Amino acid sequence: MVFTLVTFVFFTILVAVISYLKTKDDKQDSTEGYFLAGRGLPGFVIAGSLLLTNLSAEQLVGTNGQAWSVGMSPMANEVLSALALIVLALWAAPKYLKGGITTIPELIGTCFDRTTKLWFSIAYIILYLVIQIPVILYSGSLVFENIFDVSGMLGITKFQAIVVLCILITIIGSIYAIFGGLKAVAVSDTVNGVGLLIGGIMIPFLAFHKLGNAAGYDGVAIWKGFTYLVDNYPQMLNSLAPADALPPAVPWPAAFSGLIFLALQAWCTHQSFIQRVLAAKDVKEAQKGALYCAFLKILGFLYLVMPGIIAFALFEIQGDQVSIMDEAYPQLVSQIVPQPVMGFFAAVMFGAILSSFNSVLNSVNTMFTMDIYKEFINKNASQDKLVSVGKKIGIVFAILSMCVGPMVYFFPAGLKTFLDSLVSLIGMPVMTVVFAGFIFHYLPKWSARAVMLFHYVTYGLYLIFFSNSWHYLYTVFVLVCIEFLFLTILNNQNKKKGAERFELEDVGAVDLTPWKYRKPVAIVVTVCVIVVYIAFSPLGFGAW
């Protein structure tokens, strides 16, 4: 345990030192320098930061927990994200950079009006502070409680250990997000991204070896573990769940309908993701970053789904099956990772947790400062004042989230399902409104607020009365289609009335020349998605 702790501290400090050396001479006395890294991020840094912003303990714990519970269908959350990243690269990113925006609510305000901008800013801030950051803190704490047995070391309860770890993660993550700005976050993401890919992909191979040994094979048994899984649990390797399946399974019709909308919301309109693209030095680098990340998301099934399935088979043999899905991945890691390597794995896990935490916190600070403080409180604030406000409000938001984080302990239904269903409540109208602003040119200013209210009421009623009988992804699909139909009718009516045409202006923020290989790479990404789905279907390793 001592060696594990020493290596964990060493790798964690190493990442901090690299981030400091890469950013110590950067100017952060302007909003563009602090919130958008001076609009100078290259493609590979954007890709790494996008991946790490998305990939944290709630993904590793939550998605693997879903796979342990229902099999391969949660793979859709990862693999189909690649298609949304193609949309980001080819369509959304050029529009964002053309408008020179800092936040998604700013774009909404440009397309509609100031009141709409305020509404969506408040909604996004609530989503991040009450749901997203607390889930990141709790899931990260759960992993470290299982790795280091903090409750045993300190002689406290498991819940008390989670409280202690939430405080620790908040303090360290806040140093990056509040005092380092987006550049420090992005650099640490890139370094941690390399480590996490190594550590994450290591897990299924170690787990297959352990499964092979548990099944009676001696020596290196990686292949034997895989064949044991295919022979004995082929139904767990089928990514196409029945159409009437309920969460945490992803029904195959929902995977290619409602889940696509959810992926578009995450990768094309989620502020903490999009902020990396907004910080690109030009459209070419933004497109490279999005498409590089698409390949990394396709690989995600290896470390975000497969370990959960292996855990189910392994625990069945050993007779130590867990009872709660979010315990599956932490218990597997504690059993299969060798002690000499555990410190490194814990460090990259910690890096992933910090990355998601500080990325979302940085985005919340940005939205409050630029969309609420500058717009509605102090229009004449200087650049120094805005950066100062961003840092101070970041401390307040970090403390609020830290207080909520441990409370997720009392939601045993599964982290990923809990998070996705609530993101669908608050985040989906953002995707609808942003895309409508790009597609339509004659919408009335109040239409975005009408969509928001309609979605909140109808989806809220679904959560209260029908969530146990109807998959939330079907609800997402139906509501988004209704909302787009409503906006189409309004747009056509307004156009007939002679309304003024809206067009997003080019503010000259960056070079808009596209990457010449963007379309061939997008085609390769699409082919890879199809191949992976065929492999984990009844045509491949899976069975009905």
Protein backbone atom coordinates (compact mmCIF):
# COMPACT_ATOMS: atom_id res chain seq x y z
CA MET A 1 0.00 0.00 0.00
CA VAL A 2 2.87 2.37 0.78
CA PHE A 3 4.43 1.80 -2.68
CA THR A 4 1.03 2.33 -4.32
CA LEU A 5 0.55 5.60 -2.45
CA VAL A 6 4.07 6.81 -3.32
CA THR A 7 3.68 6.09 -7.05
CA PHE A 8 0.24 7.68 -7.03
CA VAL A 9 1.62 10.88 -5.50
CA PHE A 10 4.62 10.86 -7.87
CA PHE A 11 2.55 10.64 -11.08
CA THR A 12 0.00 13.16 -9.81
CA ILE A 13 2.72 15.70 -9.03
CA LEU A 14 4.42 14.98 -12.37
CA VAL A 15 1.28 16.00 -14.27
CA ALA A 16 0.96 19.16 -12.16
CA VAL A 17 4.59 20.11 -12.85
CA ILE A 18 4.21 19.57 -16.61
CA SER A 19 1.03 21.68 -16.64
CA TYR A 20 2.76 24.46 -14.71
CA LEU A 21 5.80 24.51 -16.98
CA LYS A 22 3.61 24.62 -20.09
CA THR A 23 1.45 27.48 -18.84
CA LYS A 24 3.60 29.60 -16.47
CA ASP A 25 4.37 32.21 -19.15
CA ASP A 26 0.83 32.41 -20.56
CA LYS A 27 -1.09 35.66 -20.24
CA GLN A 28 -4.34 35.21 -18.36
CA ASP A 29 -5.29 38.83 -17.78
CA SER A 30 -7.99 38.73 -20.48
CA THR A 31 -11.17 36.68 -20.81
CA GLU A 32 -9.91 35.13 -24.06
CA GLY A 33 -6.62 34.14 -22.45
CA TYR A 34 -8.23 32.77 -19.28
CA PHE A 35 -11.44 31.18 -20.58
CA LEU A 36 -10.33 30.20 -24.12
CA ALA A 37 -6.57 29.58 -23.73
CA GLY A 38 -5.88 32.52 -26.03
CA ARG A 39 -7.60 30.69 -28.91
CA GLY A 40 -4.43 28.74 -29.58
CA LEU A 41 -5.12 25.04 -28.92
CA PRO A 42 -3.86 22.55 -31.57
CA GLY A 43 -5.85 19.52 -32.71
CA PHE A 44 -4.14 16.84 -30.61
CA VAL A 45 -4.60 18.88 -27.41
CA ILE A 46 -8.27 19.45 -28.26
CA ALA A 47 -8.75 15.71 -28.84
CA GLY A 48 -7.11 14.77 -25.54
CA SER A 49 -9.01 17.43 -23.61
CA LEU A 50 -12.33 16.45 -25.20
CA LEU A 51 -11.77 12.82 -24.25
CA LEU A 52 -10.70 13.55 -20.69
CA THR A 53 -13.49 16.08 -20.13
CA ASN A 54 -15.95 13.34 -21.01
CA LEU A 55 -14.08 10.41 -19.50
CA SER A 56 -14.06 10.33 -15.73
CA ALA A 57 -14.89 8.02 -12.90
CA GLU A 58 -18.64 8.33 -13.51
CA GLN A 59 -18.00 6.95 -17.01
CA LEU A 60 -15.62 4.18 -15.89
CA VAL A 61 -17.74 3.25 -12.89
CA GLY A 62 -21.16 4.00 -14.36
CA THR A 63 -20.89 2.55 -17.87
CA ASN A 64 -19.02 -0.56 -16.72
CA GLY A 65 -21.66 -0.95 -14.02
CA GLN A 66 -24.35 -0.83 -16.68
CA ALA A 67 -22.50 -3.46 -18.74
CA TRP A 68 -22.20 -5.69 -15.66
CA SER A 69 -25.96 -5.39 -15.24
CA VAL A 70 -27.30 -5.73 -18.81
CA GLY A 71 -24.45 -6.63 -21.16
CA MET A 72 -22.99 -4.85 -24.16
CA SER A 73 -25.80 -2.46 -25.16
CA PRO A 74 -24.40 0.52 -23.14
CA MET A 75 -21.55 0.44 -25.68
CA ALA A 76 -23.81 2.69 -27.76
CA ASN A 77 -23.05 5.60 -25.41
CA GLU A 78 -19.40 5.46 -26.49
CA VAL A 79 -19.28 4.17 -30.05
CA LEU A 80 -22.14 6.28 -31.41
CA SER A 81 -20.52 9.39 -29.93
CA ALA A 82 -18.10 9.16 -32.85
CA LEU A 83 -20.96 10.07 -35.22
CA ALA A 84 -21.82 13.14 -33.14
CA LEU A 85 -18.16 14.19 -33.26
CA ILE A 86 -18.35 14.03 -37.07
CA VAL A 87 -21.28 16.47 -36.91
CA LEU A 88 -19.21 18.68 -34.61
CA ALA A 89 -16.21 18.63 -36.95
CA LEU A 90 -18.00 19.12 -40.26
CA TRP A 91 -20.91 21.36 -39.28
CA ALA A 92 -21.10 22.80 -35.76
CA ALA A 93 -17.47 23.78 -35.05
CA PRO A 94 -17.09 25.99 -38.17
CA LYS A 95 -20.27 27.85 -37.20
CA TYR A 96 -19.14 28.36 -33.60
CA LEU A 97 -15.75 29.68 -34.66
CA LYS A 98 -17.32 31.86 -37.32
CA GLY A 99 -19.38 33.60 -34.62
CA GLY A 100 -16.38 33.95 -32.30
CA ILE A 101 -18.46 32.98 -29.27
CA THR A 102 -17.20 32.16 -25.78
CA THR A 103 -20.22 30.22 -24.50
CA ILE A 104 -23.23 28.35 -25.88
CA PRO A 105 -25.69 30.68 -24.10
CA GLU A 106 -23.93 33.58 -25.84
CA LEU A 107 -24.75 31.96 -29.18
CA ILE A 108 -28.35 31.43 -28.10
CA GLY A 109 -28.55 35.09 -27.13
CA THR A 110 -27.21 36.07 -30.55
CA CYS A 111 -29.78 33.93 -32.36
CA PHE A 112 -32.69 34.94 -30.11
CA ASP A 113 -32.45 37.60 -27.35
CA ARG A 114 -30.91 38.55 -23.98
CA THR A 115 -33.76 37.06 -21.95
CA THR A 116 -33.37 33.71 -23.67
CA LYS A 117 -29.62 33.86 -23.05
CA LEU A 118 -30.25 34.38 -19.32
CA TRP A 119 -32.74 31.52 -19.11
CA PHE A 120 -30.39 29.03 -20.73
CA SER A 121 -27.36 30.25 -18.75
CA ILE A 122 -29.18 29.64 -15.47
CA ALA A 123 -30.40 26.21 -16.62
CA TYR A 124 -26.91 25.11 -17.62
CA ILE A 125 -25.36 26.36 -14.38
CA ILE A 126 -27.97 24.45 -12.35
CA LEU A 127 -27.29 21.30 -14.42
CA TYR A 128 -23.56 21.50 -13.74
CA LEU A 129 -23.68 22.48 -10.06
CA VAL A 130 -26.52 20.25 -8.87
CA ILE A 131 -26.03 17.19 -11.09
CA GLN A 132 -22.89 16.91 -13.18
CA ILE A 133 -20.10 18.05 -10.84
CA PRO A 134 -21.58 16.23 -7.80
CA VAL A 135 -21.75 12.97 -9.80
CA ILE A 136 -18.10 13.41 -10.85
CA LEU A 137 -17.06 14.00 -7.24
CA TYR A 138 -19.04 11.06 -5.87
CA SER A 139 -17.95 8.53 -8.50
CA GLY A 140 -14.31 9.55 -8.14
CA SER A 141 -14.55 9.20 -4.38
CA LEU A 142 -16.12 5.75 -4.76
CA VAL A 143 -13.19 4.55 -6.89
CA PHE A 144 -10.57 5.80 -4.45
CA GLU A 145 -12.40 4.37 -1.47
CA ASN A 146 -12.16 0.95 -3.15
CA ILE A 147 -8.50 1.36 -4.19
CA PHE A 148 -7.09 2.80 -0.95
CA ASP A 149 -9.70 1.69 1.62
CA VAL A 150 -9.83 5.19 3.05
CA SER A 151 -12.59 4.25 5.49
CA GLY A 152 -10.43 1.44 6.90
CA MET A 153 -7.31 3.60 7.07
CA LEU A 154 -9.09 6.41 8.91
CA GLY A 155 -11.48 4.24 10.92
CA ILE A 156 -14.59 5.95 9.55
CA THR A 157 -17.72 4.87 7.67
CA LYS A 158 -17.80 4.53 3.89
CA PHE A 159 -20.01 7.60 3.56
CA GLN A 160 -17.63 9.66 5.71
CA ALA A 161 -14.72 8.51 3.52
CA ILE A 162 -16.61 9.68 0.44
CA VAL A 163 -17.12 13.08 2.09
CA VAL A 164 -13.37 13.36 2.80
CA LEU A 165 -12.46 12.36 -0.76
CA CYS A 166 -14.99 14.79 -2.28
CA ILE A 167 -13.30 17.59 -0.35
CA LEU A 168 -9.83 16.48 -1.51
CA ILE A 169 -10.82 16.24 -5.19
CA THR A 170 -12.54 19.63 -5.01
CA ILE A 171 -9.49 21.37 -3.55
CA ILE A 172 -6.98 19.95 -6.04
CA GLY A 173 -9.31 20.28 -9.05
CA SER A 174 -10.11 23.87 -8.17
CA ILE A 175 -6.42 24.81 -8.28
CA TYR A 176 -6.33 23.83 -11.96
CA ALA A 177 -9.70 25.28 -12.94
CA ILE A 178 -9.68 28.52 -10.96
CA PHE A 179 -6.03 29.53 -10.93
CA GLY A 180 -4.74 27.85 -14.08
CA GLY A 181 -7.45 28.70 -16.59
CA LEU A 182 -8.43 26.62 -19.61
CA LYS A 183 -4.86 26.20 -20.87
CA ALA A 184 -3.74 24.46 -17.65
CA VAL A 185 -6.83 22.24 -17.79
CA ALA A 186 -6.20 21.30 -21.44
CA VAL A 187 -2.50 20.51 -20.91
CA SER A 188 -3.18 18.33 -17.88
CA ASP A 189 -5.96 16.62 -19.87
CA THR A 190 -3.54 15.71 -22.65
CA VAL A 191 -0.93 14.24 -20.29
CA ASN A 192 -3.54 12.36 -18.27
CA GLY A 193 -5.20 11.22 -21.50
CA VAL A 194 -2.12 9.28 -22.55
CA GLY A 195 -1.88 7.67 -19.12
CA LEU A 196 -5.57 6.86 -18.97
CA LEU A 197 -5.57 5.19 -22.38
CA ILE A 198 -2.64 3.03 -21.27
CA GLY A 199 -4.18 2.27 -17.89
CA GLY A 200 -7.74 1.92 -19.13
CA ILE A 201 -6.93 -0.44 -22.00
CA MET A 202 -4.72 -2.45 -19.63
CA ILE A 203 -7.75 -3.35 -17.48
CA PRO A 204 -9.66 -5.64 -19.91
CA PHE A 205 -6.49 -7.61 -20.74
CA LEU A 206 -5.65 -8.11 -17.06
CA ALA A 207 -9.29 -9.02 -16.45
CA PHE A 208 -9.36 -11.56 -19.29
CA HIS A 209 -6.20 -13.14 -17.85
CA LYS A 210 -7.80 -13.34 -14.41
CA LEU A 211 -10.99 -14.81 -15.92
CA GLY A 212 -9.00 -17.41 -17.83
CA ASN A 213 -7.16 -18.47 -14.68
CA ALA A 214 -10.41 -18.59 -12.72
CA ALA A 215 -11.90 -20.82 -15.42
CA GLY A 216 -9.09 -23.34 -14.92
CA TYR A 217 -6.40 -22.33 -17.41
CA ASP A 218 -2.80 -21.91 -16.28
CA GLY A 219 -0.22 -19.32 -17.32
CA VAL A 220 -1.06 -16.30 -19.45
CA ALA A 221 -4.75 -16.85 -20.16
CA ILE A 222 -5.94 -13.68 -21.92
CA TRP A 223 -7.26 -15.50 -24.97
CA LYS A 224 -8.70 -18.30 -22.85
CA GLY A 225 -10.55 -15.73 -20.78
CA PHE A 226 -12.03 -14.19 -23.92
CA THR A 227 -13.11 -17.54 -25.37
CA TYR A 228 -14.63 -18.50 -22.00
CA LEU A 229 -16.70 -15.31 -22.12
CA VAL A 230 -17.79 -15.93 -25.72
CA ASP A 231 -18.68 -19.58 -25.03
CA ASN A 232 -20.53 -19.05 -21.77
CA TYR A 233 -21.99 -15.53 -21.91
CA PRO A 234 -22.55 -14.66 -25.59
CA GLN A 235 -25.79 -12.84 -24.71
CA MET A 236 -23.73 -10.37 -22.68
CA LEU A 237 -21.69 -9.55 -25.82
CA ASN A 238 -24.72 -8.52 -27.88
CA SER A 239 -24.92 -4.73 -28.21
CA LEU A 240 -28.45 -4.86 -29.65
CA ALA A 241 -30.83 -4.90 -26.69
CA PRO A 242 -34.55 -5.66 -27.28
CA ALA A 243 -36.76 -2.75 -28.28
CA ASP A 244 -38.70 -2.90 -25.00
CA ALA A 245 -35.63 -2.95 -22.73
CA LEU A 246 -35.51 -0.46 -19.87
CA PRO A 247 -32.52 1.47 -18.42
CA PRO A 248 -29.68 0.81 -17.95
CA ALA A 249 -29.98 -1.20 -21.21
CA VAL A 250 -30.02 0.75 -24.48
CA PRO A 251 -32.74 -0.67 -26.82
CA TRP A 252 -31.48 -0.95 -30.37
CA PRO A 253 -34.13 1.42 -31.85
CA ALA A 254 -33.34 3.99 -29.14
CA ALA A 255 -29.61 3.68 -29.83
CA PHE A 256 -30.14 5.00 -33.34
CA SER A 257 -32.79 7.61 -32.47
CA GLY A 258 -32.95 9.17 -29.00
CA LEU A 259 -29.35 8.34 -28.13
CA ILE A 260 -28.13 10.11 -31.27
CA PHE A 261 -29.89 13.27 -30.06
CA LEU A 262 -28.34 12.83 -26.61
CA ALA A 263 -24.89 12.42 -28.20
CA LEU A 264 -25.42 15.56 -30.30
CA GLN A 265 -26.36 17.44 -27.15
CA ALA A 266 -23.21 16.26 -25.38
CA TRP A 267 -20.64 16.68 -28.14
CA CYS A 268 -22.09 19.61 -30.08
CA THR A 269 -23.71 21.86 -27.45
CA HIS A 270 -22.30 20.88 -24.01
CA GLN A 271 -20.34 23.93 -22.83
CA SER A 272 -17.50 22.03 -21.12
CA PHE A 273 -16.85 20.05 -24.33
CA ILE A 274 -17.41 22.85 -26.80
CA GLN A 275 -15.14 25.23 -24.90
CA ARG A 276 -12.14 23.19 -26.11
CA VAL A 277 -13.26 23.63 -29.72
CA LEU A 278 -13.91 27.33 -29.18
CA ALA A 279 -10.29 27.61 -28.03
CA ALA A 280 -8.90 26.16 -31.29
CA LYS A 281 -6.47 28.36 -33.17
CA ASP A 282 -8.43 27.79 -36.41
CA VAL A 283 -11.16 25.63 -37.93
CA LYS A 284 -8.64 23.12 -39.24
CA GLU A 285 -7.34 22.32 -35.75
CA ALA A 286 -10.87 22.18 -34.34
CA GLN A 287 -11.85 19.61 -36.97
CA LYS A 288 -8.70 17.57 -36.38
CA GLY A 289 -9.38 17.53 -32.63
CA ALA A 290 -13.00 16.41 -33.01
CA LEU A 291 -12.17 13.64 -35.51
CA TYR A 292 -9.14 12.39 -33.55
CA CYS A 293 -11.40 12.18 -30.51
CA ALA A 294 -13.96 10.22 -32.58
CA PHE A 295 -11.44 7.40 -33.03
CA LEU A 296 -10.70 7.41 -29.30
CA LYS A 297 -14.42 7.16 -28.51
CA ILE A 298 -14.78 4.10 -30.75
CA LEU A 299 -12.08 2.41 -28.67
CA GLY A 300 -14.04 3.30 -25.56
CA PHE A 301 -15.88 -0.03 -25.44
CA LEU A 302 -12.57 -1.69 -24.49
CA TYR A 303 -12.26 0.09 -21.16
CA LEU A 304 -15.78 1.43 -20.53
CA VAL A 305 -17.91 -1.65 -21.27
CA MET A 306 -15.84 -4.81 -21.60
CA PRO A 307 -14.47 -4.75 -18.01
CA GLY A 308 -18.03 -4.71 -16.66
CA ILE A 309 -18.95 -7.82 -18.64
CA ILE A 310 -15.76 -9.60 -17.61
CA ALA A 311 -16.49 -8.64 -14.00
CA PHE A 312 -19.89 -10.35 -14.18
CA ALA A 313 -18.39 -13.61 -15.47
CA LEU A 314 -15.43 -13.50 -13.06
CA PHE A 315 -17.51 -12.79 -9.98
CA GLU A 316 -19.88 -15.61 -10.93
CA ILE A 317 -16.97 -18.08 -10.92
CA GLN A 318 -15.49 -16.69 -7.70
CA GLY A 319 -18.81 -16.48 -5.89
CA ASP A 320 -18.28 -12.85 -4.86
CA GLN A 321 -20.84 -11.20 -7.13
CA VAL A 322 -21.57 -7.57 -6.21
CA SER A 323 -25.15 -6.46 -5.58
CA ILE A 324 -24.93 -2.84 -6.82
CA MET A 325 -23.82 -2.08 -10.38
CA ASP A 326 -21.59 0.84 -9.42
CA GLU A 327 -19.48 -1.50 -7.26
CA ALA A 328 -18.53 -3.80 -10.16
CA TYR A 329 -15.68 -1.80 -11.74
CA PRO A 330 -13.98 -0.70 -8.49
CA GLN A 331 -14.03 -4.29 -7.18
CA LEU A 332 -12.62 -5.63 -10.46
CA VAL A 333 -9.78 -3.09 -10.41
CA SER A 334 -8.89 -3.90 -6.82
CA GLN A 335 -8.64 -7.61 -7.73
CA ILE A 336 -6.69 -7.55 -11.01
CA VAL A 337 -4.31 -4.57 -11.01
CA PRO A 338 -0.89 -5.59 -9.62
CA GLN A 339 0.23 -3.55 -6.62
CA PRO A 340 3.34 -2.17 -8.38
CA VAL A 341 1.06 -0.74 -11.09
CA MET A 342 -1.83 0.32 -8.85
CA GLY A 343 -0.25 3.68 -8.01
CA PHE A 344 0.08 4.59 -11.69
CA PHE A 345 -3.48 3.48 -12.43
CA ALA A 346 -4.79 5.41 -9.44
CA ALA A 347 -2.91 8.51 -10.63
CA VAL A 348 -4.37 8.45 -14.14
CA MET A 349 -7.80 7.75 -12.68
CA PHE A 350 -7.33 10.74 -10.41
CA GLY A 351 -6.27 12.76 -13.45
CA ALA A 352 -9.45 11.77 -15.29
CA ILE A 353 -11.58 12.72 -12.29
CA LEU A 354 -9.81 16.05 -11.93
CA SER A 355 -10.11 16.67 -15.66
CA SER A 356 -13.87 16.30 -15.73
CA PHE A 357 -14.27 18.26 -12.49
CA ASN A 358 -12.10 21.20 -13.44
CA SER A 359 -13.39 21.26 -17.03
CA VAL A 360 -17.01 21.56 -15.95
CA LEU A 361 -16.11 24.02 -13.17
CA ASN A 362 -14.19 26.17 -15.66
CA SER A 363 -17.21 26.15 -17.98
CA VAL A 364 -19.58 27.17 -15.17
CA ASN A 365 -17.26 30.04 -14.26
CA THR A 366 -17.16 31.11 -17.91
CA MET A 367 -20.93 31.10 -18.34
CA PHE A 368 -21.60 33.00 -15.14
CA THR A 369 -18.92 35.60 -15.84
CA MET A 370 -19.59 36.19 -19.53
CA ASP A 371 -23.32 35.48 -19.82
CA ILE A 372 -24.67 36.76 -16.50
CA TYR A 373 -22.17 39.09 -14.78
CA LYS A 374 -20.96 40.91 -17.90
CA GLU A 375 -24.36 40.97 -19.59
CA PHE A 376 -26.69 41.77 -16.68
CA ILE A 377 -24.63 42.97 -13.71
CA ASN A 378 -21.63 45.01 -14.92
CA LYS A 379 -21.58 45.67 -18.67
CA ASN A 380 -18.54 47.95 -18.37
CA ALA A 381 -16.36 45.50 -16.42
CA SER A 382 -12.72 45.48 -17.50
CA GLN A 383 -10.92 42.31 -18.64
CA ASP A 384 -9.06 42.10 -15.31
CA LYS A 385 -12.33 42.45 -13.42
CA LEU A 386 -14.01 39.68 -15.42
CA VAL A 387 -11.11 37.27 -14.83
CA SER A 388 -11.20 38.13 -11.12
CA VAL A 389 -14.95 37.51 -10.96
CA GLY A 390 -14.47 34.18 -12.76
CA LYS A 391 -11.94 33.04 -10.16
CA LYS A 392 -14.02 34.15 -7.17
CA ILE A 393 -17.27 32.63 -8.38
CA GLY A 394 -15.35 29.44 -9.16
CA ILE A 395 -14.50 29.08 -5.47
CA VAL A 396 -18.17 29.54 -4.53
CA PHE A 397 -19.35 27.02 -7.14
CA ALA A 398 -16.69 24.50 -6.09
CA ILE A 399 -17.85 24.65 -2.46
CA LEU A 400 -21.52 24.27 -3.45
CA SER A 401 -20.78 21.23 -5.61
CA MET A 402 -18.62 19.71 -2.90
CA CYS A 403 -21.54 19.87 -0.49
CA VAL A 404 -23.91 18.15 -2.95
CA GLY A 405 -21.45 15.45 -4.16
CA PRO A 406 -21.68 13.02 -1.21
CA MET A 407 -25.49 13.07 -1.45
CA VAL A 408 -25.31 11.02 -4.69
CA TYR A 409 -24.45 8.12 -2.34
CA PHE A 410 -28.18 7.80 -1.73
CA PHE A 411 -29.08 7.22 -5.41
CA PRO A 412 -28.34 3.50 -5.95
CA ALA A 413 -30.04 3.16 -9.35
CA GLY A 414 -26.76 3.68 -11.19
CA LEU A 415 -24.64 6.76 -11.81
CA LYS A 416 -24.78 6.78 -15.60
CA THR A 417 -28.54 6.27 -15.81
CA PHE A 418 -29.14 8.92 -13.15
CA LEU A 419 -26.92 11.43 -14.93
CA ASP A 420 -28.19 10.81 -18.48
CA SER A 421 -31.86 11.00 -17.56
CA LEU A 422 -31.42 14.37 -15.84
CA VAL A 423 -29.16 15.73 -18.60
CA SER A 424 -32.00 14.86 -20.95
CA LEU A 425 -34.27 17.07 -18.87
CA ILE A 426 -32.09 20.20 -18.76
CA GLY A 427 -29.62 19.81 -21.63
CA MET A 428 -31.75 18.60 -24.54
CA PRO A 429 -33.60 21.91 -25.17
CA VAL A 430 -30.15 23.51 -25.61
CA MET A 431 -29.35 21.14 -28.48
CA THR A 432 -32.75 21.75 -30.07
CA VAL A 433 -32.47 25.53 -29.84
CA VAL A 434 -28.83 25.75 -30.99
CA PHE A 435 -29.42 23.54 -34.03
CA ALA A 436 -32.65 25.40 -34.83
CA GLY A 437 -30.73 28.67 -34.73
CA PHE A 438 -28.34 27.28 -37.36
CA ILE A 439 -31.02 25.74 -39.58
CA PHE A 440 -33.82 28.32 -39.43
CA HIS A 441 -33.49 32.04 -40.17
CA TYR A 442 -36.91 33.50 -39.28
CA LEU A 443 -37.70 32.22 -35.77
CA PRO A 444 -39.45 34.60 -33.37
CA LYS A 445 -37.34 35.57 -30.36
CA TRP A 446 -39.65 33.88 -27.84
CA SER A 447 -39.62 30.47 -29.58
CA ALA A 448 -36.54 29.16 -27.73
CA ARG A 449 -38.11 29.89 -24.34
CA ALA A 450 -41.31 28.14 -25.44
CA VAL A 451 -39.29 25.03 -26.37
CA MET A 452 -37.51 25.09 -23.02
CA LEU A 453 -40.76 25.30 -21.02
CA PHE A 454 -42.47 22.63 -23.13
CA HIS A 455 -39.54 20.24 -22.71
CA TYR A 456 -39.20 20.77 -18.97
CA VAL A 457 -42.89 20.20 -18.33
CA THR A 458 -43.37 17.17 -20.60
CA TYR A 459 -40.09 15.44 -19.74
CA GLY A 460 -40.61 16.19 -16.06
CA LEU A 461 -44.03 14.52 -16.22
CA TYR A 462 -42.43 11.52 -17.91
CA LEU A 463 -39.85 11.20 -15.12
CA ILE A 464 -42.57 11.32 -12.48
CA PHE A 465 -45.16 9.00 -14.04
CA PHE A 466 -43.70 6.87 -16.85
CA SER A 467 -39.94 6.37 -16.31
CA ASN A 468 -40.42 2.78 -15.10
CA SER A 469 -42.40 1.69 -18.16
CA TRP A 470 -40.94 3.64 -21.08
CA HIS A 471 -37.25 4.18 -21.88
CA TYR A 472 -36.14 7.80 -21.49
CA LEU A 473 -34.36 7.71 -24.87
CA TYR A 474 -37.67 7.13 -26.66
CA THR A 475 -39.09 10.11 -24.80
CA VAL A 476 -36.11 12.22 -25.85
CA PHE A 477 -36.60 11.26 -29.49
CA VAL A 478 -40.34 12.02 -29.52
CA LEU A 479 -39.97 15.36 -27.73
CA VAL A 480 -37.12 16.60 -29.92
CA CYS A 481 -39.07 15.71 -33.07
CA ILE A 482 -42.13 17.59 -31.75
CA GLU A 483 -39.97 20.59 -30.84
CA PHE A 484 -38.35 20.73 -34.27
CA LEU A 485 -41.78 20.44 -35.94
CA PHE A 486 -43.04 23.31 -33.78
CA LEU A 487 -40.01 25.47 -34.70
CA THR A 488 -40.39 24.61 -38.39
CA ILE A 489 -43.99 25.83 -38.37
CA LEU A 490 -43.03 29.03 -36.52
CA ASN A 491 -40.16 29.69 -38.91
CA ASN A 492 -42.34 29.30 -42.00
CA GLN A 493 -45.10 31.48 -40.57
CA ASN A 494 -42.65 34.20 -39.60
CA LYS A 495 -41.04 34.11 -43.03
CA LYS A 496 -44.43 34.61 -44.71
CA LYS A 497 -45.03 37.62 -42.49
CA GLY A 498 -41.87 39.23 -43.86
CA ALA A 499 -39.69 38.85 -40.77
CA GLU A 500 -36.05 39.91 -41.06
CA ARG A 501 -33.69 37.05 -41.95
CA PHE A 502 -31.11 36.13 -39.29
CA GLU A 503 -27.62 35.07 -40.36
CA LEU A 504 -24.65 34.37 -38.07
CA GLU A 505 -21.92 36.86 -38.90
CA ASP A 506 -18.23 36.08 -39.39
CA VAL A 507 -16.46 38.14 -36.72
CA GLY A 508 -12.99 37.16 -37.95
CA ALA A 509 -11.96 35.42 -34.72
CA VAL A 510 -9.94 32.66 -36.44
CA ASP A 511 -9.05 31.33 -39.88
CA LEU A 512 -12.07 29.40 -41.22
CA THR A 513 -10.18 27.32 -43.82
CA PRO A 514 -11.32 23.68 -43.30
CA TRP A 515 -9.06 20.65 -42.95
CA LYS A 516 -8.71 19.06 -46.38
CA TYR A 517 -8.85 15.49 -45.02
CA ARG A 518 -11.96 16.01 -42.89
CA LYS A 519 -14.38 14.10 -45.15
CA PRO A 520 -12.19 11.01 -45.81
CA VAL A 521 -11.44 10.75 -42.09
CA ALA A 522 -15.14 11.08 -41.29
CA ILE A 523 -15.89 8.20 -43.66
CA VAL A 524 -13.26 6.01 -41.97
CA VAL A 525 -14.76 6.83 -38.57
CA THR A 526 -18.23 5.80 -39.80
CA VAL A 527 -16.91 2.49 -41.20
CA CYS A 528 -15.20 1.76 -37.86
CA VAL A 529 -18.49 2.34 -36.01
CA ILE A 530 -20.27 -0.13 -38.31
CA VAL A 531 -17.52 -2.76 -37.91
CA VAL A 532 -17.61 -2.57 -34.11
CA TYR A 533 -21.40 -2.92 -34.08
CA ILE A 534 -21.30 -5.95 -36.36
CA ALA A 535 -18.60 -7.56 -34.17
CA PHE A 536 -20.78 -7.23 -31.06
CA SER A 537 -24.04 -8.44 -32.54
CA PRO A 538 -25.52 -11.88 -33.30
CA LEU A 539 -23.52 -11.72 -36.56
CA GLY A 540 -20.33 -11.58 -34.47
CA PHE A 541 -19.62 -12.53 -30.85
CA GLY A 542 -23.08 -11.83 -29.47
CA ALA A 543 -26.22 -13.93 -29.21
CA TRP A 544 -29.88 -13.12 -28.60
